[in-house]
Amino acid sequence: MLLPKEIELLGIAFDASYTLMYAPGTRRHTRKCVASRCKMGQIIEVLKLCVVQRVLACKMGVPILADQLVRQGSQ
């Protein structure tokens, strides 16, 4: 069984993820997380993981986009 603060940390992760990026939900879960006695360091770590996830998605996606632009230009 998850503790309330663990549930809120997961809520932050889901709402801050690059596929959702839902700011109101991220704020709501952050407030609830603080109320559940989460440490700021825990919240920051979750947000850092979300940033890394976005960077990795861009690192993969940008070369694919560049390749497609080159292919379109040669047609």
PDB file of N, CA and C in Angstrom:
ATOM      1  N   MET A   1       0.849  -1.190   0.000  1.00  0.00           N
ATOM      2  CA  MET A   1       0.000   0.000   0.000  1.00  0.00           C
ATOM      3  C   MET A   1       0.886   1.242   0.000  1.00  0.00           C
ATOM      4  N   LEU A   2       0.538   2.188  -0.844  1.00  0.00           N
ATOM      5  CA  LEU A   2       1.311   3.418  -0.937  1.00  0.00           C
ATOM      6  C   LEU A   2       0.871   4.424   0.122  1.00  0.00           C
ATOM      7  N   LEU A   3       1.841   5.153   0.616  1.00  0.00           N
ATOM      8  CA  LEU A   3       1.560   6.240   1.553  1.00  0.00           C
ATOM      9  C   LEU A   3       0.982   7.428   0.776  1.00  0.00           C
ATOM     10  N   PRO A   4       0.226   8.302   1.443  1.00  0.00           N
ATOM     11  CA  PRO A   4      -0.331   9.476   0.753  1.00  0.00           C
ATOM     12  C   PRO A   4       0.738  10.307   0.043  1.00  0.00           C
ATOM     13  N   LYS A   5       1.900  10.495   0.680  1.00  0.00           N
ATOM     14  CA  LYS A   5       2.937  11.304   0.027  1.00  0.00           C
ATOM     15  C   LYS A   5       3.482  10.607  -1.216  1.00  0.00           C
ATOM     16  N   GLU A   6       3.530   9.279  -1.212  1.00  0.00           N
ATOM     17  CA  GLU A   6       3.988   8.542  -2.398  1.00  0.00           C
ATOM     18  C   GLU A   6       2.978   8.674  -3.537  1.00  0.00           C
ATOM     19  N   ILE A   7       1.713   8.654  -3.197  1.00  0.00           N
ATOM     20  CA  ILE A   7       0.662   8.839  -4.206  1.00  0.00           C
ATOM     21  C   ILE A   7       0.782  10.227  -4.836  1.00  0.00           C
ATOM     22  N   GLU A   8       1.034  11.237  -4.008  1.00  0.00           N
ATOM     23  CA  GLU A   8       1.159  12.604  -4.529  1.00  0.00           C
ATOM     24  C   GLU A   8       2.422  12.763  -5.367  1.00  0.00           C
ATOM     25  N   LEU A   9       3.514  12.107  -4.976  1.00  0.00           N
ATOM     26  CA  LEU A   9       4.735  12.157  -5.792  1.00  0.00           C
ATOM     27  C   LEU A   9       4.487  11.530  -7.163  1.00  0.00           C
ATOM     28  N   LEU A  10       3.739  10.442  -7.191  1.00  0.00           N
ATOM     29  CA  LEU A  10       3.378   9.827  -8.475  1.00  0.00           C
ATOM     30  C   LEU A  10       2.479  10.767  -9.286  1.00  0.00           C
ATOM     31  N   GLY A  11       1.575  11.453  -8.604  1.00  0.00           N
ATOM     32  CA  GLY A  11       0.711  12.414  -9.283  1.00  0.00           C
ATOM     33  C   GLY A  11       1.520  13.539  -9.918  1.00  0.00           C
ATOM     34  N   ILE A  12       2.532  14.012  -9.203  1.00  0.00           N
ATOM     35  CA  ILE A  12       3.420  15.040  -9.760  1.00  0.00           C
ATOM     36  C   ILE A  12       4.119  14.492 -10.998  1.00  0.00           C
ATOM     37  N   ALA A  13       4.638  13.274 -10.881  1.00  0.00           N
ATOM     38  CA  ALA A  13       5.359  12.669 -12.007  1.00  0.00           C
ATOM     39  C   ALA A  13       4.463  12.523 -13.233  1.00  0.00           C
ATOM     40  N   PHE A  14       3.251  12.062 -13.044  1.00  0.00           N
ATOM     41  CA  PHE A  14       2.340  11.888 -14.179  1.00  0.00           C
ATOM     42  C   PHE A  14       1.971  13.238 -14.805  1.00  0.00           C
ATOM     43  N   ASP A  15       1.616  14.217 -13.962  1.00  0.00           N
ATOM     44  CA  ASP A  15       1.176  15.504 -14.493  1.00  0.00           C
ATOM     45  C   ASP A  15       2.325  16.316 -15.092  1.00  0.00           C
ATOM     46  N   ALA A  16       3.537  16.135 -14.589  1.00  0.00           N
ATOM     47  CA  ALA A  16       4.688  16.885 -15.109  1.00  0.00           C
ATOM     48  C   ALA A  16       5.379  16.159 -16.258  1.00  0.00           C
ATOM     49  N   SER A  17       4.957  14.939 -16.561  1.00  0.00           N
ATOM     50  CA  SER A  17       5.611  14.170 -17.622  1.00  0.00           C
ATOM     51  C   SER A  17       5.454  14.867 -18.970  1.00  0.00           C
ATOM     52  N   TYR A  18       6.371  14.575 -19.886  1.00  0.00           N
ATOM     53  CA  TYR A  18       6.355  15.262 -21.178  1.00  0.00           C
ATOM     54  C   TYR A  18       5.145  14.902 -22.024  1.00  0.00           C
ATOM     55  N   THR A  19       4.491  13.799 -21.725  1.00  0.00           N
ATOM     56  CA  THR A  19       3.310  13.427 -22.500  1.00  0.00           C
ATOM     57  C   THR A  19       2.059  14.157 -22.021  1.00  0.00           C
ATOM     58  N   LEU A  20       2.060  14.621 -20.792  1.00  0.00           N
ATOM     59  CA  LEU A  20       0.874  15.305 -20.259  1.00  0.00           C
ATOM     60  C   LEU A  20       1.126  16.798 -20.048  1.00  0.00           C
ATOM     61  N   MET A  21       2.170  17.144 -19.319  1.00  0.00           N
ATOM     62  CA  MET A  21       2.537  18.529 -19.015  1.00  0.00           C
ATOM     63  C   MET A  21       1.323  19.343 -18.554  1.00  0.00           C
ATOM     64  N   TYR A  22       0.648  18.846 -17.532  1.00  0.00           N
ATOM     65  CA  TYR A  22      -0.568  19.476 -17.011  1.00  0.00           C
ATOM     66  C   TYR A  22      -0.220  20.279 -15.760  1.00  0.00           C
ATOM     67  N   ALA A  23       0.011  21.584 -15.951  1.00  0.00           N
ATOM     68  CA  ALA A  23       0.461  22.453 -14.864  1.00  0.00           C
ATOM     69  C   ALA A  23      -0.506  22.520 -13.688  1.00  0.00           C
ATOM     70  N   PRO A  24      -1.830  22.671 -13.901  1.00  0.00           N
ATOM     71  CA  PRO A  24      -2.728  22.736 -12.741  1.00  0.00           C
ATOM     72  C   PRO A  24      -2.651  21.469 -11.877  1.00  0.00           C
ATOM     73  N   GLY A  25      -2.564  20.314 -12.511  1.00  0.00           N
ATOM     74  CA  GLY A  25      -2.459  19.065 -11.747  1.00  0.00           C
ATOM     75  C   GLY A  25      -1.137  18.966 -11.007  1.00  0.00           C
ATOM     76  N   THR A  26      -0.067  19.427 -11.656  1.00  0.00           N
ATOM     77  CA  THR A  26       1.251  19.406 -11.004  1.00  0.00           C
ATOM     78  C   THR A  26       1.236  20.279  -9.760  1.00  0.00           C
ATOM     79  N   ARG A  27       0.639  21.469  -9.883  1.00  0.00           N
ATOM     80  CA  ARG A  27       0.552  22.358  -8.714  1.00  0.00           C
ATOM     81  C   ARG A  27      -0.297  21.733  -7.605  1.00  0.00           C
ATOM     82  N   ARG A  28      -1.441  21.158  -7.991  1.00  0.00           N
ATOM     83  CA  ARG A  28      -2.339  20.551  -7.003  1.00  0.00           C
ATOM     84  C   ARG A  28      -1.630  19.415  -6.257  1.00  0.00           C
ATOM     85  N   HIS A  29      -0.965  18.534  -6.999  1.00  0.00           N
ATOM     86  CA  HIS A  29      -0.279  17.415  -6.356  1.00  0.00           C
ATOM     87  C   HIS A  29       0.909  17.890  -5.517  1.00  0.00           C
ATOM     88  N   THR A  30       1.562  18.968  -5.951  1.00  0.00           N
ATOM     89  CA  THR A  30       2.680  19.511  -5.163  1.00  0.00           C
ATOM     90  C   THR A  30       2.173  20.044  -3.831  1.00  0.00           C
ATOM     91  N   ARG A  31       1.050  20.765  -3.860  1.00  0.00           N
ATOM     92  CA  ARG A  31       0.471  21.274  -2.598  1.00  0.00           C
ATOM     93  C   ARG A  31       0.085  20.116  -1.675  1.00  0.00           C
ATOM     94  N   LYS A  32      -0.563  19.102  -2.237  1.00  0.00           N
ATOM     95  CA  LYS A  32      -0.969  17.948  -1.423  1.00  0.00           C
ATOM     96  C   LYS A  32       0.242  17.194  -0.898  1.00  0.00           C
ATOM     97  N   CYS A  33       1.293  17.145  -1.708  1.00  0.00           N
ATOM     98  CA  CYS A  33       2.510  16.453  -1.296  1.00  0.00           C
ATOM     99  C   CYS A  33       3.148  17.161  -0.096  1.00  0.00           C
ATOM    100  N   VAL A  34       3.204  18.479  -0.167  1.00  0.00           N
ATOM    101  CA  VAL A  34       3.755  19.257   0.958  1.00  0.00           C
ATOM    102  C   VAL A  34       2.892  19.044   2.194  1.00  0.00           C
ATOM    103  N   ALA A  35       1.578  19.031   2.013  1.00  0.00           N
ATOM    104  CA  ALA A  35       0.670  18.800   3.142  1.00  0.00           C
ATOM    105  C   ALA A  35       0.839  17.388   3.723  1.00  0.00           C
ATOM    106  N   SER A  36       1.302  16.455   2.884  1.00  0.00           N
ATOM    107  CA  SER A  36       1.526  15.072   3.342  1.00  0.00           C
ATOM    108  C   SER A  36       2.924  14.878   3.911  1.00  0.00           C
ATOM    109  N   ARG A  37       3.620  15.990   4.145  1.00  0.00           N
ATOM    110  CA  ARG A  37       4.943  15.991   4.764  1.00  0.00           C
ATOM    111  C   ARG A  37       6.054  15.476   3.850  1.00  0.00           C
ATOM    112  N   CYS A  38       5.893  15.672   2.548  1.00  0.00           N
ATOM    113  CA  CYS A  38       6.989  15.375   1.621  1.00  0.00           C
ATOM    114  C   CYS A  38       8.084  16.409   1.836  1.00  0.00           C
ATOM    115  N   LYS A  39       9.289  15.990   1.607  1.00  0.00           N
ATOM    116  CA  LYS A  39      10.406  16.929   1.664  1.00  0.00           C
ATOM    117  C   LYS A  39      10.554  17.570   0.286  1.00  0.00           C
ATOM    118  N   MET A  40      10.985  18.820   0.279  1.00  0.00           N
ATOM    119  CA  MET A  40      11.168  19.531  -0.994  1.00  0.00           C
ATOM    120  C   MET A  40      12.140  18.765  -1.893  1.00  0.00           C
ATOM    121  N   GLY A  41      13.139  18.146  -1.310  1.00  0.00           N
ATOM    122  CA  GLY A  41      14.107  17.376  -2.090  1.00  0.00           C
ATOM    123  C   GLY A  41      13.451  16.241  -2.857  1.00  0.00           C
ATOM    124  N   GLN A  42      12.438  15.618  -2.270  1.00  0.00           N
ATOM    125  CA  GLN A  42      11.727  14.533  -2.947  1.00  0.00           C
ATOM    126  C   GLN A  42      10.960  15.068  -4.157  1.00  0.00           C
ATOM    127  N   ILE A  43      10.320  16.208  -3.977  1.00  0.00           N
ATOM    128  CA  ILE A  43       9.569  16.817  -5.077  1.00  0.00           C
ATOM    129  C   ILE A  43      10.523  17.234  -6.192  1.00  0.00           C
ATOM    130  N   ILE A  44      11.632  17.838  -5.814  1.00  0.00           N
ATOM    131  CA  ILE A  44      12.626  18.271  -6.804  1.00  0.00           C
ATOM    132  C   ILE A  44      13.158  17.072  -7.585  1.00  0.00           C
ATOM    133  N   GLU A  45      13.419  15.959  -6.915  1.00  0.00           N
ATOM    134  CA  GLU A  45      13.927  14.767  -7.605  1.00  0.00           C
ATOM    135  C   GLU A  45      12.932  14.252  -8.641  1.00  0.00           C
ATOM    136  N   VAL A  46      11.662  14.244  -8.291  1.00  0.00           N
ATOM    137  CA  VAL A  46      10.630  13.808  -9.239  1.00  0.00           C
ATOM    138  C   VAL A  46      10.602  14.747 -10.440  1.00  0.00           C
ATOM    139  N   LEU A  47      10.662  16.054 -10.198  1.00  0.00           N
ATOM    140  CA  LEU A  47      10.639  17.020 -11.296  1.00  0.00           C
ATOM    141  C   LEU A  47      11.900  16.910 -12.160  1.00  0.00           C
ATOM    142  N   LYS A  48      13.036  16.637 -11.535  1.00  0.00           N
ATOM    143  CA  LYS A  48      14.274  16.451 -12.308  1.00  0.00           C
ATOM    144  C   LYS A  48      14.158  15.240 -13.228  1.00  0.00           C
ATOM    145  N   LEU A  49      13.553  14.173 -12.740  1.00  0.00           N
ATOM    146  CA  LEU A  49      13.352  12.999 -13.580  1.00  0.00           C
ATOM    147  C   LEU A  49      12.462  13.326 -14.779  1.00  0.00           C
ATOM    148  N   CYS A  50      11.467  14.155 -14.569  1.00  0.00           N
ATOM    149  CA  CYS A  50      10.592  14.556 -15.673  1.00  0.00           C
ATOM    150  C   CYS A  50      11.356  15.376 -16.707  1.00  0.00           C
ATOM    151  N   VAL A  51      12.263  16.236 -16.246  1.00  0.00           N
ATOM    152  CA  VAL A  51      13.071  17.041 -17.169  1.00  0.00           C
ATOM    153  C   VAL A  51      13.994  16.138 -17.979  1.00  0.00           C
ATOM    154  N   VAL A  52      14.618  15.177 -17.319  1.00  0.00           N
ATOM    155  CA  VAL A  52      15.506  14.240 -18.024  1.00  0.00           C
ATOM    156  C   VAL A  52      14.717  13.481 -19.081  1.00  0.00           C
ATOM    157  N   GLN A  53      13.519  13.094 -18.744  1.00  0.00           N
ATOM    158  CA  GLN A  53      12.651  12.372 -19.686  1.00  0.00           C
ATOM    159  C   GLN A  53      12.386  13.235 -20.922  1.00  0.00           C
ATOM    160  N   ARG A  54      12.134  14.512 -20.724  1.00  0.00           N
ATOM    161  CA  ARG A  54      11.892  15.416 -21.852  1.00  0.00           C
ATOM    162  C   ARG A  54      13.134  15.572 -22.706  1.00  0.00           C
ATOM    163  N   VAL A  55      14.286  15.721 -22.067  1.00  0.00           N
ATOM    164  CA  VAL A  55      15.535  15.885 -22.808  1.00  0.00           C
ATOM    165  C   VAL A  55      15.815  14.646 -23.654  1.00  0.00           C
ATOM    166  N   LEU A  56      15.620  13.476 -23.081  1.00  0.00           N
ATOM    167  CA  LEU A  56      15.852  12.244 -23.838  1.00  0.00           C
ATOM    168  C   LEU A  56      14.889  12.126 -25.017  1.00  0.00           C
ATOM    169  N   ALA A  57      13.652  12.543 -24.825  1.00  0.00           N
ATOM    170  CA  ALA A  57      12.687  12.506 -25.924  1.00  0.00           C
ATOM    171  C   ALA A  57      13.123  13.448 -27.048  1.00  0.00           C
ATOM    172  N   CYS A  58      13.620  14.615 -26.703  1.00  0.00           N
ATOM    173  CA  CYS A  58      14.110  15.555 -27.724  1.00  0.00           C
ATOM    174  C   CYS A  58      15.365  15.017 -28.403  1.00  0.00           C
ATOM    175  N   LYS A  59      16.238  14.404 -27.618  1.00  0.00           N
ATOM    176  CA  LYS A  59      17.470  13.841 -28.176  1.00  0.00           C
ATOM    177  C   LYS A  59      17.142  12.775 -29.220  1.00  0.00           C
ATOM    178  N   MET A  60      16.095  12.012 -28.997  1.00  0.00           N
ATOM    179  CA  MET A  60      15.675  11.004 -29.966  1.00  0.00           C
ATOM    180  C   MET A  60      14.882  11.630 -31.107  1.00  0.00           C
ATOM    181  N   GLY A  61      14.030  12.567 -30.796  1.00  0.00           N
ATOM    182  CA  GLY A  61      13.109  13.114 -31.786  1.00  0.00           C
ATOM    183  C   GLY A  61      13.725  14.097 -32.768  1.00  0.00           C
ATOM    184  N   VAL A  62      14.665  14.908 -32.330  1.00  0.00           N
ATOM    185  CA  VAL A  62      15.240  15.929 -33.201  1.00  0.00           C
ATOM    186  C   VAL A  62      15.973  15.309 -34.395  1.00  0.00           C
ATOM    187  N   PRO A  63      16.820  14.290 -34.222  1.00  0.00           N
ATOM    188  CA  PRO A  63      17.446  13.681 -35.395  1.00  0.00           C
ATOM    189  C   PRO A  63      16.431  13.073 -36.371  1.00  0.00           C
ATOM    190  N   ILE A  64      15.368  12.505 -35.848  1.00  0.00           N
ATOM    191  CA  ILE A  64      14.316  11.951 -36.720  1.00  0.00           C
ATOM    192  C   ILE A  64      13.664  13.070 -37.517  1.00  0.00           C
ATOM    193  N   LEU A  65      13.364  14.175 -36.859  1.00  0.00           N
ATOM    194  CA  LEU A  65      12.778  15.334 -37.529  1.00  0.00           C
ATOM    195  C   LEU A  65      13.731  15.883 -38.589  1.00  0.00           C
ATOM    196  N   ALA A  66      15.011  16.024 -38.256  1.00  0.00           N
ATOM    197  CA  ALA A  66      16.003  16.528 -39.213  1.00  0.00           C
ATOM    198  C   ALA A  66      16.078  15.623 -40.435  1.00  0.00           C
ATOM    199  N   ASP A  67      16.066  14.319 -40.224  1.00  0.00           N
ATOM    200  CA  ASP A  67      16.100  13.362 -41.329  1.00  0.00           C
ATOM    201  C   ASP A  67      14.877  13.535 -42.237  1.00  0.00           C
ATOM    202  N   GLN A  68      13.724  13.705 -41.647  1.00  0.00           N
ATOM    203  CA  GLN A  68      12.505  13.882 -42.430  1.00  0.00           C
ATOM    204  C   GLN A  68      12.530  15.184 -43.220  1.00  0.00           C
ATOM    205  N   LEU A  69      13.070  16.238 -42.622  1.00  0.00           N
ATOM    206  CA  LEU A  69      13.184  17.519 -43.330  1.00  0.00           C
ATOM    207  C   LEU A  69      14.113  17.400 -44.528  1.00  0.00           C
ATOM    208  N   VAL A  70      15.227  16.667 -44.361  1.00  0.00           N
ATOM    209  CA  VAL A  70      16.150  16.435 -45.464  1.00  0.00           C
ATOM    210  C   VAL A  70      15.459  15.655 -46.572  1.00  0.00           C
ATOM    211  N   ARG A  71      14.708  14.629 -46.198  1.00  0.00           N
ATOM    212  CA  ARG A  71      13.991  13.813 -47.191  1.00  0.00           C
ATOM    213  C   ARG A  71      12.948  14.647 -47.943  1.00  0.00           C
ATOM    214  N   GLN A  72      12.254  15.513 -47.230  1.00  0.00           N
ATOM    215  CA  GLN A  72      11.254  16.363 -47.890  1.00  0.00           C
ATOM    216  C   GLN A  72      11.915  17.351 -48.847  1.00  0.00           C
ATOM    217  N   GLY A  73      13.062  17.850 -48.452  1.00  0.00           N
ATOM    218  CA  GLY A  73      13.773  18.803 -49.297  1.00  0.00           C
ATOM    219  C   GLY A  73      14.308  18.187 -50.570  1.00  0.00           C
ATOM    220  N   SER A  74      14.581  16.890 -50.552  1.00  0.00           N
ATOM    221  CA  SER A  74      15.129  16.217 -51.742  1.00  0.00           C
ATOM    222  C   SER A  74      14.031  15.738 -52.691  1.00  0.00           C
ATOM    223  N   GLN A  75      12.777  15.889 -52.322  1.00  0.00           N
ATOM    224  CA  GLN A  75      11.671  15.431 -53.192  1.00  0.00           C
ATOM    225  C   GLN A  75      11.262  16.485 -54.163  1.00  0.00           C
TER     226      GLN A  75
END
